Amino acid sequence: QVQLVESGGGLVQPGGSLRLSCVGSDSIFSDRTMAWYRQAPGKQRLRVATITSRGETMYSESVKGRFTISRDNDKITVDLQMNNLKPEDTAVYYCDVYPPYAPYWGQGTQVTVSS
């Protein structure tokens, strides 16, 4: 079964950091554009960071300068380093290809930013 598995979420205080990791089960992800998405309660799932197979990156305005996306195509991993976290970053975070493909969605990992 082709799938993506996210990990690394947790509870952190405002201003803190977390590093999320996504592992793919198949090498098909190694040459695809990948992205991190997040979904806050009652809101749509939004894309926050994108990385092409060549390592080119793009960020939403809400996270630019605070989040960094990276990948290792050999290990089939995509990471998201999140610094200076804010309460509005609270959400379930998912990784997927871009454009998103629903059958690849994993369970996500919860990030809660609160004092």
C-alpha atoms as a PDB file:
ATOM      1  CA  GLN A   1       0.000   0.000   0.000  1.00  0.00           C
ATOM      2  CA  VAL A   2       1.397   3.350  -1.016  1.00  0.00           C
ATOM      3  CA  GLN A   3       1.215   5.711   1.920  1.00  0.00           C
ATOM      4  CA  LEU A   4       2.752   8.636   3.750  1.00  0.00           C
ATOM      5  CA  VAL A   5       3.259   8.648   7.504  1.00  0.00           C
ATOM      6  CA  GLU A   6       3.717  11.857   9.461  1.00  0.00           C
ATOM      7  CA  SER A   7       5.286  12.257  12.901  1.00  0.00           C
ATOM      8  CA  GLY A   8       6.866  14.822  15.194  1.00  0.00           C
ATOM      9  CA  GLY A   9       3.905  16.865  16.355  1.00  0.00           C
ATOM     10  CA  GLY A  10       3.200  17.825  19.934  1.00  0.00           C
ATOM     11  CA  LEU A  11       2.450  20.603  22.386  1.00  0.00           C
ATOM     12  CA  VAL A  12       4.802  23.576  22.345  1.00  0.00           C
ATOM     13  CA  GLN A  13       4.765  27.068  23.811  1.00  0.00           C
ATOM     14  CA  PRO A  14       4.580  30.144  21.599  1.00  0.00           C
ATOM     15  CA  GLY A  15       8.015  30.912  20.222  1.00  0.00           C
ATOM     16  CA  GLY A  16       9.063  27.278  20.376  1.00  0.00           C
ATOM     17  CA  SER A  17      10.115  24.880  17.632  1.00  0.00           C
ATOM     18  CA  LEU A  18       9.109  21.503  16.280  1.00  0.00           C
ATOM     19  CA  ARG A  19      10.382  19.321  13.457  1.00  0.00           C
ATOM     20  CA  LEU A  20       7.874  17.238  11.551  1.00  0.00           C
ATOM     21  CA  SER A  21       8.849  14.240   9.470  1.00  0.00           C
ATOM     22  CA  CYS A  22       7.051  12.420   6.689  1.00  0.00           C
ATOM     23  CA  VAL A  23       8.125   9.022   5.404  1.00  0.00           C
ATOM     24  CA  GLY A  24       6.924   7.579   2.115  1.00  0.00           C
ATOM     25  CA  SER A  25       6.414   3.881   1.522  1.00  0.00           C
ATOM     26  CA  ASP A  26       7.295   3.960  -2.154  1.00  0.00           C
ATOM     27  CA  SER A  27      10.000   5.488  -4.304  1.00  0.00           C
ATOM     28  CA  ILE A  28       7.358   7.114  -6.487  1.00  0.00           C
ATOM     29  CA  PHE A  29       7.482  10.039  -4.070  1.00  0.00           C
ATOM     30  CA  SER A  30      11.159  10.669  -4.769  1.00  0.00           C
ATOM     31  CA  ASP A  31      10.522  12.411  -8.080  1.00  0.00           C
ATOM     32  CA  ARG A  32       7.298  14.160  -7.137  1.00  0.00           C
ATOM     33  CA  THR A  33       6.712  17.637  -5.821  1.00  0.00           C
ATOM     34  CA  MET A  34       5.823  17.240  -2.152  1.00  0.00           C
ATOM     35  CA  ALA A  35       4.074  19.566   0.262  1.00  0.00           C
ATOM     36  CA  TRP A  36       3.046  20.023   3.848  1.00  0.00           C
ATOM     37  CA  TYR A  37      -0.557  20.962   4.501  1.00  0.00           C
ATOM     38  CA  ARG A  38      -2.403  21.829   7.679  1.00  0.00           C
ATOM     39  CA  GLN A  39      -5.987  21.837   8.800  1.00  0.00           C
ATOM     40  CA  ALA A  40      -7.198  23.758  11.809  1.00  0.00           C
ATOM     41  CA  PRO A  41     -10.521  22.827  13.468  1.00  0.00           C
ATOM     42  CA  GLY A  42     -13.431  23.940  11.343  1.00  0.00           C
ATOM     43  CA  LYS A  43     -11.213  25.193   8.525  1.00  0.00           C
ATOM     44  CA  GLN A  44     -10.062  23.987   5.138  1.00  0.00           C
ATOM     45  CA  ARG A  45      -6.848  22.090   4.610  1.00  0.00           C
ATOM     46  CA  LEU A  46      -4.239  24.566   3.362  1.00  0.00           C
ATOM     47  CA  ARG A  47      -0.840  24.093   1.808  1.00  0.00           C
ATOM     48  CA  VAL A  48       1.933  25.781   3.801  1.00  0.00           C
ATOM     49  CA  ALA A  49       5.180  24.556   2.229  1.00  0.00           C
ATOM     50  CA  THR A  50       6.158  22.942  -1.059  1.00  0.00           C
ATOM     51  CA  ILE A  51       9.343  21.356  -2.357  1.00  0.00           C
ATOM     52  CA  THR A  52      10.062  20.110  -5.869  1.00  0.00           C
ATOM     53  CA  SER A  53      12.085  16.994  -6.607  1.00  0.00           C
ATOM     54  CA  ARG A  54      15.054  19.284  -7.291  1.00  0.00           C
ATOM     55  CA  GLY A  55      14.733  21.033  -3.939  1.00  0.00           C
ATOM     56  CA  GLU A  56      13.064  24.292  -4.962  1.00  0.00           C
ATOM     57  CA  THR A  57      10.858  25.546  -2.146  1.00  0.00           C
ATOM     58  CA  MET A  58       7.780  27.736  -1.761  1.00  0.00           C
ATOM     59  CA  TYR A  59       5.946  28.890   1.363  1.00  0.00           C
ATOM     60  CA  SER A  60       2.647  30.458   2.235  1.00  0.00           C
ATOM     61  CA  GLU A  61       2.879  33.994   3.548  1.00  0.00           C
ATOM     62  CA  SER A  62       1.722  32.864   6.973  1.00  0.00           C
ATOM     63  CA  VAL A  63       4.827  30.692   7.541  1.00  0.00           C
ATOM     64  CA  LYS A  64       7.466  32.307   5.345  1.00  0.00           C
ATOM     65  CA  GLY A  65      10.641  32.981   7.313  1.00  0.00           C
ATOM     66  CA  ARG A  66       9.626  30.618  10.126  1.00  0.00           C
ATOM     67  CA  PHE A  67       9.195  27.222   8.461  1.00  0.00           C
ATOM     68  CA  THR A  68      11.701  25.301   6.344  1.00  0.00           C
ATOM     69  CA  ILE A  69      10.840  22.313   4.188  1.00  0.00           C
ATOM     70  CA  SER A  70      13.480  19.793   3.152  1.00  0.00           C
ATOM     71  CA  ARG A  71      13.638  16.332   1.626  1.00  0.00           C
ATOM     72  CA  ASP A  72      15.863  13.306   1.255  1.00  0.00           C
ATOM     73  CA  ASN A  73      14.934  11.455  -1.922  1.00  0.00           C
ATOM     74  CA  ASP A  74      17.038   8.413  -1.033  1.00  0.00           C
ATOM     75  CA  LYS A  75      15.273   7.969   2.302  1.00  0.00           C
ATOM     76  CA  ILE A  76      11.912   9.090   0.859  1.00  0.00           C
ATOM     77  CA  THR A  77      11.419  11.651   3.611  1.00  0.00           C
ATOM     78  CA  VAL A  78      10.117  15.194   3.715  1.00  0.00           C
ATOM     79  CA  ASP A  79      10.696  17.272   6.836  1.00  0.00           C
ATOM     80  CA  LEU A  80       9.250  20.537   8.076  1.00  0.00           C
ATOM     81  CA  GLN A  81      11.272  22.568  10.555  1.00  0.00           C
ATOM     82  CA  MET A  82       8.962  24.995  12.343  1.00  0.00           C
ATOM     83  CA  ASN A  83      10.430  27.857  14.372  1.00  0.00           C
ATOM     84  CA  ASN A  84       8.884  30.743  16.270  1.00  0.00           C
ATOM     85  CA  LEU A  85       5.587  28.915  16.458  1.00  0.00           C
ATOM     86  CA  LYS A  86       2.402  30.884  17.055  1.00  0.00           C
ATOM     87  CA  PRO A  87      -0.980  29.825  18.444  1.00  0.00           C
ATOM     88  CA  GLU A  88      -2.440  30.208  14.950  1.00  0.00           C
ATOM     89  CA  ASP A  89      -0.113  27.425  13.765  1.00  0.00           C
ATOM     90  CA  THR A  90      -2.187  24.976  15.782  1.00  0.00           C
ATOM     91  CA  ALA A  91      -3.529  22.349  13.369  1.00  0.00           C
ATOM     92  CA  VAL A  92      -3.179  18.808  12.147  1.00  0.00           C
ATOM     93  CA  TYR A  93      -0.289  18.689   9.687  1.00  0.00           C
ATOM     94  CA  TYR A  94      -0.207  16.380   6.682  1.00  0.00           C
ATOM     95  CA  CYS A  95       2.250  15.720   3.904  1.00  0.00           C
ATOM     96  CA  ASP A  96       1.229  14.760   0.401  1.00  0.00           C
ATOM     97  CA  VAL A  97       2.204  15.216  -3.188  1.00  0.00           C
ATOM     98  CA  TYR A  98       1.339  18.458  -4.936  1.00  0.00           C
ATOM     99  CA  PRO A  99      -1.242  18.666  -6.380  1.00  0.00           C
ATOM    100  CA  PRO A 100      -2.749  16.663  -3.508  1.00  0.00           C
ATOM    101  CA  TYR A 101      -3.927  13.103  -4.075  1.00  0.00           C
ATOM    102  CA  ALA A 102      -6.437  11.937  -1.491  1.00  0.00           C
ATOM    103  CA  PRO A 103      -5.475   8.234  -1.453  1.00  0.00           C
ATOM    104  CA  TYR A 104      -2.040   9.214  -0.143  1.00  0.00           C
ATOM    105  CA  TRP A 105      -3.328  11.160   2.863  1.00  0.00           C
ATOM    106  CA  GLY A 106      -2.046   9.799   6.170  1.00  0.00           C
ATOM    107  CA  GLN A 107      -3.352  10.355   9.672  1.00  0.00           C
ATOM    108  CA  GLY A 108      -1.433  13.583  10.075  1.00  0.00           C
ATOM    109  CA  THR A 109       0.309  14.824  13.184  1.00  0.00           C
ATOM    110  CA  GLN A 110      -1.207  17.252  15.688  1.00  0.00           C
ATOM    111  CA  VAL A 111       0.647  20.473  16.458  1.00  0.00           C
ATOM    112  CA  THR A 112      -0.657  22.538  19.356  1.00  0.00           C
ATOM    113  CA  VAL A 113       0.892  25.890  20.217  1.00  0.00           C
ATOM    114  CA  SER A 114      -0.270  27.099  23.591  1.00  0.00           C
ATOM    115  CA  SER A 115       1.059  28.539  26.807  1.00  0.00           C
END
